[in-house]
Amino acid sequence: MTQDGDDPFDIAAAHWARLQSGTATSAERAAIAAWCDAAPAHRAAMDAVERGWDVAGAAEQDDAIAAMLAQMQARQTEASAPSTSRRPWRAALLAASLTALLAVPATLWFTSRPAEHPVPPALSGEQVAQATGTRLFSPAGRRRNIQLPDGSRVILDADSAIRFAFSADKRAVALETGRAYFAVQKDKSRPFSVSAGKLTATAVGTAFDVSRLSGREQVTTTEGLVRVVTAAATHNGSRATLLPAGMRLTQKDQSVSVDPVDVTRESAWRDGRIVFTGRCLSDVAAEMNRYGSGRLEVKEDAAHIAISGVFDIDNADGLAEALEQQGLVHVARSADRIVLTRGDQIIPGDCAVRG
């Protein structure tokens, strides 16, 4: 359903952004397919947008693609102004699509055809930052809130480290270990890219978490839109994903998944809190030990007790006391250890072990 005067490129860009977000329902995908089949101009517009996504890195050498991107960029400005001829949701999706499409430097773009691009571009930003970047780190038990030279802000979780290298046309960050939150200063001429292992997250002005913990790499968008390039492919065969706010991408080995998350819960660590729902006590203790002195020791008989609650990050004693009062564990304290064994309370079920 469109209004007279709607440009097929605008509609195609909005549809493409929705598809790439990974949150489109089956009904929405069917409606988009029906729109593409409704007219040759619709199909041509969608093919052009898709081609622009795949080969945007070669736009300077491809006059047709460069012209299409220039026209779409001009329409982005028009779409951002109040207009009675365009639906607000379409303007917003168009702007999001074009931001991701136009702002990423050529070195970070690639298609899902690995034979044509054997070297994952995600490595370029990481190599630049690791080779020439300034290193920032936070020790175990301490978080750091740092303003970067471009005005962006990073919160480093405990026992975390990054390197960053900024230039006239790019802002490259490599997450070496741990977790970091980035509130990115808007600068369309210098996209902000964070590499973590075998993935790269790119944004112009937004906020997101990136982590390398427990053998997995994750990106969680808390504001705006982030483009994530992964070494492994998603279920639809793509290695590039648009990740809107409230979504998290996880890459573990050769598996990539995208799931909705509670942003408030996921960002609690930045405020010195940690939230668990049905988590194994062994996982809870490991997480708490990252912020404290490593004092919590969970015996095997208590490892799979399911824990839910909100706790202060650096209060291992408080966690142990709360569990003891509920009869879930027995606690033995020494100068450097808090040892937890299974208590006498009947527990209806244990947690599922995390993969």
Protein backbone atom coordinates (compact mmCIF):
# COMPACT_ATOMS: atom_id res chain seq x y z
CA MET A 1 0.00 0.00 0.00
CA THR A 2 1.62 3.19 -1.19
CA GLN A 3 0.65 6.76 -1.75
CA ASP A 4 0.83 8.60 -5.08
CA GLY A 5 4.26 10.15 -5.54
CA ASP A 6 6.09 7.59 -3.40
CA ASP A 7 9.45 6.85 -5.01
CA PRO A 8 10.13 3.10 -5.51
CA PHE A 9 13.74 3.60 -4.35
CA ASP A 10 12.52 5.09 -1.06
CA ILE A 11 10.14 2.20 -0.48
CA ALA A 12 12.74 -0.39 -1.51
CA ALA A 13 15.31 1.13 0.88
CA ALA A 14 12.81 0.99 3.74
CA HIS A 15 11.90 -2.61 2.91
CA TRP A 16 15.57 -3.57 2.64
CA ALA A 17 16.35 -2.06 6.04
CA ARG A 18 13.48 -4.03 7.54
CA LEU A 19 14.66 -7.29 6.00
CA GLN A 20 18.26 -6.72 7.06
CA SER A 21 17.26 -5.93 10.64
CA GLY A 22 16.40 -9.59 11.17
CA THR A 23 13.12 -8.71 12.90
CA ALA A 24 10.74 -8.84 9.93
CA THR A 25 7.83 -11.21 10.49
CA SER A 26 6.79 -13.80 7.91
CA ALA A 27 3.77 -11.62 7.04
CA GLU A 28 6.03 -8.60 6.51
CA ARG A 29 8.39 -10.60 4.32
CA ALA A 30 5.44 -11.84 2.26
CA ALA A 31 4.13 -8.27 1.87
CA ILE A 32 7.55 -7.08 0.73
CA ALA A 33 7.79 -9.91 -1.80
CA ALA A 34 4.31 -9.03 -3.09
CA TRP A 35 5.34 -5.39 -3.47
CA CYS A 36 8.40 -6.43 -5.49
CA ASP A 37 6.23 -8.58 -7.79
CA ALA A 38 3.58 -5.91 -8.24
CA ALA A 39 5.51 -3.86 -10.83
CA PRO A 40 8.78 -4.10 -12.78
CA ALA A 41 9.82 -0.74 -11.33
CA HIS A 42 9.48 -2.17 -7.82
CA ARG A 43 11.67 -5.16 -8.60
CA ALA A 44 14.25 -2.94 -10.33
CA ALA A 45 14.39 -0.62 -7.31
CA MET A 46 14.84 -3.50 -4.85
CA ASP A 47 17.55 -5.09 -7.03
CA ALA A 48 19.36 -1.74 -7.20
CA VAL A 49 19.23 -1.27 -3.43
CA GLU A 50 20.45 -4.82 -2.85
CA ARG A 51 23.26 -4.37 -5.36
CA GLY A 52 24.20 -1.12 -3.70
CA TRP A 53 24.46 -2.95 -0.37
CA ASP A 54 26.67 -5.67 -1.83
CA VAL A 55 29.05 -3.53 -3.87
CA ALA A 56 28.97 -0.15 -2.16
CA GLY A 57 32.70 -0.44 -1.63
CA ALA A 58 33.18 -0.22 -5.40
CA ALA A 59 30.84 2.76 -5.84
CA GLU A 60 33.64 5.09 -6.84
CA GLN A 61 34.44 2.83 -9.79
CA ASP A 62 30.81 2.15 -10.73
CA ASP A 63 29.11 5.25 -12.10
CA ALA A 64 25.62 3.71 -12.00
CA ILE A 65 25.90 2.72 -8.33
CA ALA A 66 27.48 6.05 -7.41
CA ALA A 67 24.62 7.90 -9.08
CA MET A 68 22.00 5.75 -7.33
CA LEU A 69 23.62 6.32 -3.93
CA ALA A 70 23.82 10.08 -4.53
CA GLN A 71 20.13 10.19 -5.45
CA MET A 72 19.17 8.12 -2.39
CA GLN A 73 21.29 10.31 -0.13
CA ALA A 74 19.49 13.39 -1.42
CA ARG A 75 16.15 11.74 -0.71
CA GLN A 76 17.31 10.93 2.82
CA THR A 77 17.52 14.66 3.54
CA GLU A 78 14.09 15.17 2.05
CA ALA A 79 12.65 12.25 4.01
CA SER A 80 13.93 13.67 7.29
CA ALA A 81 11.78 16.81 6.88
CA PRO A 82 8.04 16.83 7.73
CA SER A 83 6.00 15.73 4.75
CA THR A 84 2.45 14.67 4.20
CA SER A 85 3.40 12.50 1.23
CA ARG A 86 5.47 9.98 3.22
CA ARG A 87 4.61 7.86 6.20
CA PRO A 88 6.83 8.54 9.25
CA TRP A 89 7.85 4.92 9.61
CA ARG A 90 9.04 4.83 6.02
CA ALA A 91 11.13 7.96 6.43
CA ALA A 92 12.73 6.54 9.56
CA LEU A 93 13.55 3.21 7.95
CA LEU A 94 14.86 4.95 4.86
CA ALA A 95 17.15 7.12 6.95
CA ALA A 96 18.39 4.07 8.85
CA SER A 97 18.99 2.14 5.64
CA LEU A 98 20.88 4.97 4.00
CA THR A 99 22.94 5.72 7.06
CA ALA A 100 24.23 2.15 7.02
CA LEU A 101 24.51 2.11 3.23
CA LEU A 102 26.33 5.39 2.68
CA ALA A 103 28.47 5.83 5.76
CA VAL A 104 30.62 2.67 5.81
CA PRO A 105 34.04 2.95 4.13
CA ALA A 106 34.83 0.72 1.20
CA THR A 107 37.30 -1.37 3.20
CA LEU A 108 34.52 -2.65 5.45
CA TRP A 109 32.02 -3.64 2.77
CA PHE A 110 31.79 -7.11 1.34
CA THR A 111 29.21 -9.48 -0.10
CA SER A 112 28.21 -12.97 0.96
CA ARG A 113 30.29 -14.42 -1.89
CA PRO A 114 33.56 -15.36 -0.12
CA ALA A 115 35.24 -16.47 -3.34
CA GLU A 116 35.23 -12.85 -4.50
CA HIS A 117 36.45 -11.49 -1.15
CA PRO A 118 38.67 -14.12 0.50
CA VAL A 119 39.94 -11.78 3.25
CA PRO A 120 37.20 -10.70 5.71
CA PRO A 121 37.21 -6.86 5.75
CA ALA A 122 36.50 -7.04 9.50
CA LEU A 123 40.23 -7.64 9.92
CA SER A 124 41.25 -4.31 8.40
CA GLY A 125 39.91 -2.14 11.23
CA GLU A 126 41.29 -4.48 13.87
CA GLN A 127 44.72 -4.63 12.24
CA VAL A 128 44.88 -0.84 11.96
CA ALA A 129 43.92 -0.33 15.60
CA GLN A 130 46.21 -3.08 16.89
CA ALA A 131 49.18 -1.91 14.87
CA THR A 132 49.00 1.83 15.53
CA GLY A 133 46.32 2.34 18.16
CA THR A 134 46.33 3.72 21.66
CA ARG A 135 45.57 1.09 24.28
CA LEU A 136 43.05 1.59 27.08
CA PHE A 137 42.32 -1.00 29.73
CA SER A 138 40.49 -1.56 32.97
CA PRO A 139 41.84 -3.92 35.65
CA ALA A 140 39.86 -6.71 37.29
CA GLY A 141 37.24 -5.34 39.64
CA ARG A 142 37.11 -1.86 38.12
CA ARG A 143 35.12 -0.19 35.35
CA ARG A 144 36.35 2.90 33.50
CA ASN A 145 34.34 5.69 31.82
CA ILE A 146 36.52 7.40 29.21
CA GLN A 147 35.92 10.13 26.63
CA LEU A 148 37.71 9.46 23.35
CA PRO A 149 39.36 12.23 21.29
CA ASP A 150 36.38 12.48 18.90
CA GLY A 151 33.92 13.08 21.75
CA SER A 152 32.62 9.52 21.81
CA ARG A 153 32.43 7.84 25.18
CA VAL A 154 33.46 4.30 26.10
CA ILE A 155 32.72 2.43 29.31
CA LEU A 156 35.18 -0.41 29.79
CA ASP A 157 33.95 -3.33 31.83
CA ALA A 158 36.23 -4.91 34.40
CA ASP A 159 39.25 -6.76 32.98
CA SER A 160 38.71 -5.31 29.49
CA ALA A 161 40.96 -3.64 26.93
CA ILE A 162 40.64 -1.80 23.63
CA ARG A 163 42.94 -0.14 21.12
CA PHE A 164 41.77 2.77 18.99
CA ALA A 165 43.21 4.56 15.96
CA PHE A 166 41.40 7.60 14.54
CA SER A 167 42.23 9.29 11.24
CA ALA A 168 40.68 11.87 8.92
CA ASP A 169 38.32 9.33 7.36
CA LYS A 170 37.79 6.54 9.90
CA ARG A 171 37.56 5.70 13.58
CA ALA A 172 38.79 2.15 14.21
CA VAL A 173 38.58 0.37 17.56
CA ALA A 174 39.70 -3.16 18.41
CA LEU A 175 38.24 -4.87 21.49
CA GLU A 176 41.05 -7.10 22.74
CA THR A 177 39.20 -8.67 25.63
CA GLY A 178 36.18 -8.21 27.89
CA ARG A 179 33.29 -5.87 27.17
CA ALA A 180 32.83 -2.23 26.25
CA TYR A 181 29.94 0.17 25.73
CA PHE A 182 30.27 2.86 23.07
CA ALA A 183 28.20 6.05 22.87
CA VAL A 184 29.34 7.28 19.48
CA GLN A 185 29.69 10.95 18.56
CA LYS A 186 27.96 11.55 15.22
CA ASP A 187 30.35 12.09 12.32
CA LYS A 188 29.12 10.81 8.96
CA SER A 189 32.49 11.44 7.34
CA ARG A 190 34.22 9.09 9.81
CA PRO A 191 32.29 5.89 10.54
CA PHE A 192 33.02 4.34 13.94
CA SER A 193 33.94 0.63 13.69
CA VAL A 194 34.63 -1.81 16.51
CA SER A 195 36.29 -5.14 15.73
CA ALA A 196 35.96 -8.01 18.19
CA GLY A 197 37.55 -11.25 17.11
CA LYS A 198 35.86 -12.26 13.87
CA LEU A 199 33.16 -9.59 13.72
CA THR A 200 33.03 -5.85 13.13
CA ALA A 201 30.27 -3.46 14.23
CA THR A 202 30.00 -0.14 12.40
CA ALA A 203 27.91 2.94 13.25
CA VAL A 204 27.98 6.67 12.62
CA GLY A 205 26.18 7.92 15.72
CA THR A 206 24.55 5.41 18.03
CA ALA A 207 25.16 3.39 21.21
CA PHE A 208 26.02 -0.28 21.53
CA ASP A 209 27.84 -2.93 23.57
CA VAL A 210 30.53 -5.21 22.15
CA SER A 211 31.88 -8.16 24.12
CA ARG A 212 34.34 -11.06 23.88
CA LEU A 213 33.42 -13.31 26.78
CA SER A 214 32.96 -17.06 27.32
CA GLY A 215 34.13 -17.97 23.83
CA ARG A 216 31.55 -15.83 22.05
CA GLU A 217 31.46 -12.39 20.42
CA GLN A 218 28.36 -10.25 20.88
CA VAL A 219 26.99 -6.91 19.78
CA THR A 220 23.98 -5.39 21.53
CA THR A 221 22.43 -2.22 20.11
CA THR A 222 20.94 0.07 22.74
CA GLU A 223 20.27 3.08 20.50
CA GLY A 224 20.09 3.62 16.75
CA LEU A 225 21.28 1.08 14.19
CA VAL A 226 24.54 -0.86 13.88
CA ARG A 227 25.84 -2.80 10.89
CA VAL A 228 27.58 -6.00 11.97
CA VAL A 229 29.81 -8.02 9.65
CA THR A 230 30.51 -11.58 10.82
CA ALA A 231 32.94 -14.25 9.67
CA ALA A 232 30.19 -16.87 9.90
CA ALA A 233 26.90 -16.52 8.01
CA THR A 234 23.45 -16.06 9.52
CA HIS A 235 20.62 -18.52 8.88
CA ASN A 236 19.80 -16.73 5.61
CA GLY A 237 23.37 -16.95 4.33
CA SER A 238 24.29 -13.30 4.88
CA ARG A 239 27.37 -12.06 6.70
CA ALA A 240 26.14 -8.50 7.08
CA THR A 241 23.33 -7.71 9.53
CA LEU A 242 21.60 -4.44 10.39
CA LEU A 243 21.07 -4.57 14.14
CA PRO A 244 18.41 -2.18 15.51
CA ALA A 245 18.02 -1.11 19.13
CA GLY A 246 16.90 -3.90 21.43
CA MET A 247 18.59 -6.67 19.44
CA ARG A 248 21.73 -8.69 20.11
CA LEU A 249 23.91 -10.59 17.64
CA THR A 250 25.95 -13.51 18.95
CA GLN A 251 28.73 -15.27 17.06
CA LYS A 252 30.13 -18.48 18.55
CA ASP A 253 32.39 -20.66 16.44
CA GLN A 254 30.56 -20.97 13.09
CA SER A 255 27.13 -20.04 14.44
CA VAL A 256 25.49 -16.60 14.29
CA SER A 257 22.17 -15.74 15.94
CA VAL A 258 20.15 -12.53 16.36
CA ASP A 259 17.76 -12.23 19.31
CA PRO A 260 15.73 -9.54 21.09
CA VAL A 261 17.01 -8.50 24.52
CA ASP A 262 15.92 -6.38 27.45
CA VAL A 263 18.18 -3.35 27.00
CA THR A 264 17.75 -2.23 30.61
CA ARG A 265 18.82 -5.65 31.87
CA GLU A 266 21.72 -5.93 29.45
CA SER A 267 23.08 -2.48 30.32
CA ALA A 268 22.83 -2.88 34.11
CA TRP A 269 26.56 -3.59 34.39
CA ARG A 270 27.32 0.01 33.44
CA ASP A 271 25.53 1.16 36.62
CA GLY A 272 27.31 -1.33 38.87
CA ARG A 273 24.47 -3.86 38.91
CA ILE A 274 24.07 -7.31 37.45
CA VAL A 275 20.77 -9.04 36.63
CA PHE A 276 20.26 -12.80 36.46
CA THR A 277 17.18 -14.79 35.43
CA GLY A 278 17.40 -18.55 35.76
CA ARG A 279 21.20 -18.54 35.44
CA CYS A 280 23.41 -21.30 36.80
CA LEU A 281 25.09 -20.39 40.07
CA SER A 282 28.43 -21.32 38.51
CA ASP A 283 27.83 -18.71 35.76
CA VAL A 284 26.71 -16.14 38.33
CA ALA A 285 29.83 -16.72 40.42
CA ALA A 286 32.11 -16.44 37.39
CA GLU A 287 30.48 -13.14 36.44
CA MET A 288 30.67 -11.77 39.98
CA ASN A 289 34.31 -12.80 40.29
CA ARG A 290 35.18 -10.58 37.32
CA TYR A 291 34.26 -7.57 39.45
CA GLY A 292 35.47 -8.67 42.85
CA SER A 293 38.54 -10.44 44.15
CA GLY A 294 37.62 -13.84 42.73
CA ARG A 295 36.41 -14.98 46.11
CA LEU A 296 33.34 -16.99 45.11
CA GLU A 297 33.96 -20.72 44.77
CA VAL A 298 31.00 -22.93 43.80
CA LYS A 299 31.20 -26.63 44.50
CA GLU A 300 29.90 -29.08 41.90
CA ASP A 301 26.75 -29.97 43.85
CA ALA A 302 25.66 -26.30 43.78
CA ALA A 303 26.83 -25.37 40.27
CA HIS A 304 23.46 -25.85 38.57
CA ILE A 305 21.22 -24.08 41.07
CA ALA A 306 19.12 -21.57 39.09
CA ILE A 307 19.60 -17.98 40.29
CA SER A 308 17.40 -14.95 39.61
CA GLY A 309 17.77 -11.45 41.02
CA VAL A 310 19.51 -8.08 40.90
CA PHE A 311 22.85 -7.77 42.68
CA ASP A 312 25.56 -5.18 43.18
CA ILE A 313 28.49 -6.12 40.96
CA ASP A 314 31.11 -5.91 43.72
CA ASN A 315 29.10 -7.46 46.55
CA ALA A 316 29.92 -11.16 46.48
CA ASP A 317 29.32 -11.33 50.24
CA GLY A 318 25.79 -9.99 49.79
CA LEU A 319 25.01 -12.60 47.12
CA ALA A 320 26.28 -15.43 49.32
CA GLU A 321 24.29 -14.16 52.30
CA ALA A 322 21.07 -13.87 50.27
CA LEU A 323 21.43 -17.41 48.93
CA GLU A 324 22.20 -18.74 52.40
CA GLN A 325 19.14 -17.06 53.91
CA GLN A 326 16.96 -18.75 51.29
CA GLY A 327 18.44 -22.13 52.14
CA LEU A 328 19.83 -22.58 48.63
CA VAL A 329 23.46 -22.89 49.73
CA HIS A 330 25.71 -23.47 52.70
CA VAL A 331 28.46 -20.87 53.00
CA ALA A 332 31.98 -21.37 54.34
CA ARG A 333 34.06 -18.20 54.61
CA SER A 334 37.79 -17.73 54.89
CA ALA A 335 40.09 -14.75 54.39
CA ASP A 336 40.20 -15.16 50.62
CA ARG A 337 37.32 -17.51 49.76
CA ILE A 338 33.54 -17.77 49.96
CA VAL A 339 32.77 -21.42 49.32
CA LEU A 340 29.20 -22.35 48.31
CA THR A 341 27.78 -25.87 48.58
CA ARG A 342 24.22 -26.99 47.95
CA GLY A 343 21.81 -26.13 50.76
CA ASP A 344 18.89 -28.00 52.31
CA GLN A 345 16.08 -26.13 50.50
CA ILE A 346 14.16 -28.23 48.00
CA ILE A 347 14.71 -26.70 44.57
CA PRO A 348 12.07 -27.42 41.89
CA GLY A 349 14.54 -27.41 39.02
CA ASP A 350 18.08 -26.63 38.04
CA CYS A 351 19.34 -24.25 35.39
CA ALA A 352 20.24 -25.14 31.84
CA VAL A 353 23.96 -25.15 31.19
CA ARG A 354 24.95 -22.37 28.81
CA GLY A 355 26.38 -23.41 25.45
